[in-house]
């Protein structure tokens, strides 16, 4: 979402209006807030959010978990494609 879209949503979207307490900041204000206020603390915010998730969900940080589902699906598709080519070449 662009800064101008944020500005527009604060004027017409009831959810944004509620969250902003009916204030309608300009895109410049959003830009200043993101670049000047949040810029230095984004890493800290990200770290704190992750820490809370790790605590709440009891994530074991002593092990590395690898999601092999996508690789498995690609392997199976490639294998099926290859087998299909082999079958068509035998005919």
Protein backbone atom coordinates (compact mmCIF):
# COMPACT_ATOMS: atom_id res chain seq x y z
CA UNK A 1 0.00 0.00 0.00
CA UNK A 2 1.43 3.36 -0.96
CA UNK A 3 1.57 6.40 1.31
CA UNK A 4 -1.04 8.16 -0.83
CA UNK A 5 -3.33 5.14 -0.49
CA UNK A 6 -2.88 5.32 3.29
CA UNK A 7 -3.83 8.99 3.18
CA UNK A 8 -6.93 8.28 1.07
CA UNK A 9 -8.01 5.39 3.29
CA UNK A 10 -7.87 7.64 6.35
CA UNK A 11 -10.45 9.86 4.65
CA UNK A 12 -12.93 7.24 3.41
CA UNK A 13 -12.33 3.85 5.08
CA UNK A 14 -14.19 3.49 8.36
CA UNK A 15 -11.61 1.07 9.76
CA UNK A 16 -8.74 3.46 9.11
CA UNK A 17 -10.79 6.34 10.49
CA UNK A 18 -11.36 4.38 13.69
CA UNK A 19 -7.70 3.42 14.06
CA UNK A 20 -6.59 7.00 13.40
CA UNK A 21 -9.19 8.46 15.78
CA UNK A 22 -10.66 10.42 12.83
CA UNK A 23 -7.37 12.20 12.16
CA UNK A 24 -6.43 12.49 8.50
CA UNK A 25 -2.65 12.68 8.15
CA UNK A 26 -1.12 13.44 4.77
CA UNK A 27 1.14 11.08 2.88
CA UNK A 28 4.04 13.33 3.95
CA UNK A 29 3.20 12.68 7.60
CA UNK A 30 3.17 8.93 7.01
CA UNK A 31 6.49 9.20 5.16
CA UNK A 32 8.06 11.19 8.00
CA UNK A 33 6.79 8.72 10.58
CA UNK A 34 8.12 5.71 8.68
CA UNK A 35 11.48 7.23 7.70
CA UNK A 36 12.28 9.26 10.80
CA UNK A 37 10.42 7.70 13.72
CA UNK A 38 10.29 3.99 12.85
CA UNK A 39 13.51 3.68 10.85
CA UNK A 40 15.77 3.31 13.86
CA UNK A 41 13.51 0.95 15.76
CA UNK A 42 12.21 -1.43 13.06
CA UNK A 43 14.79 -4.10 13.93
CA UNK A 44 13.95 -3.83 17.63
CA UNK A 45 10.19 -4.05 16.93
CA UNK A 46 10.75 -7.08 14.67
CA UNK A 47 12.91 -8.74 17.34
CA UNK A 48 10.31 -8.11 20.07
CA UNK A 49 7.47 -9.48 17.94
CA UNK A 50 9.48 -12.61 17.16
CA UNK A 51 10.43 -13.08 20.81
CA UNK A 52 6.76 -12.88 21.80
CA UNK A 53 5.82 -15.44 19.13
CA UNK A 54 8.62 -17.76 20.27
CA UNK A 55 7.49 -17.52 23.89
CA UNK A 56 3.77 -17.86 23.16
CA UNK A 57 4.09 -20.73 20.69
CA UNK A 58 6.98 -22.36 22.57
CA UNK A 59 9.17 -22.53 19.47
CA UNK A 60 12.28 -24.66 19.93
CA UNK A 61 15.16 -22.46 18.78
CA UNK A 62 17.76 -25.19 19.28
CA UNK A 63 16.76 -26.98 16.07
CA UNK A 64 16.54 -25.89 12.47
CA UNK A 65 13.34 -26.77 10.68
CA UNK A 66 13.35 -27.07 6.90
CA UNK A 67 10.15 -27.04 4.90
CA UNK A 68 10.70 -29.61 2.17
CA UNK A 69 7.13 -29.66 0.89
CA UNK A 70 7.76 -27.34 -2.07
CA UNK A 71 10.91 -29.22 -3.04
CA UNK A 72 9.06 -32.53 -2.82
CA UNK A 73 6.22 -31.27 -5.00
CA UNK A 74 8.68 -29.95 -7.60
CA UNK A 75 10.55 -33.26 -7.57
CA UNK A 76 7.34 -35.27 -8.04
CA UNK A 77 6.14 -32.98 -10.86
CA UNK A 78 9.48 -33.23 -12.60
CA UNK A 79 9.52 -37.00 -12.17
CA UNK A 80 5.97 -37.36 -13.51
CA UNK A 81 6.78 -35.11 -16.45
CA UNK A 82 9.91 -37.16 -17.20
CA UNK A 83 8.00 -40.44 -16.91
CA UNK A 84 5.31 -39.06 -19.17
CA UNK A 85 7.94 -38.21 -21.77
CA UNK A 86 9.41 -41.68 -21.48
CA UNK A 87 6.03 -43.30 -22.04
CA UNK A 88 5.34 -41.18 -25.11
CA UNK A 89 8.75 -41.98 -26.60
CA UNK A 90 8.17 -45.75 -26.22
CA UNK A 91 5.07 -45.66 -28.42
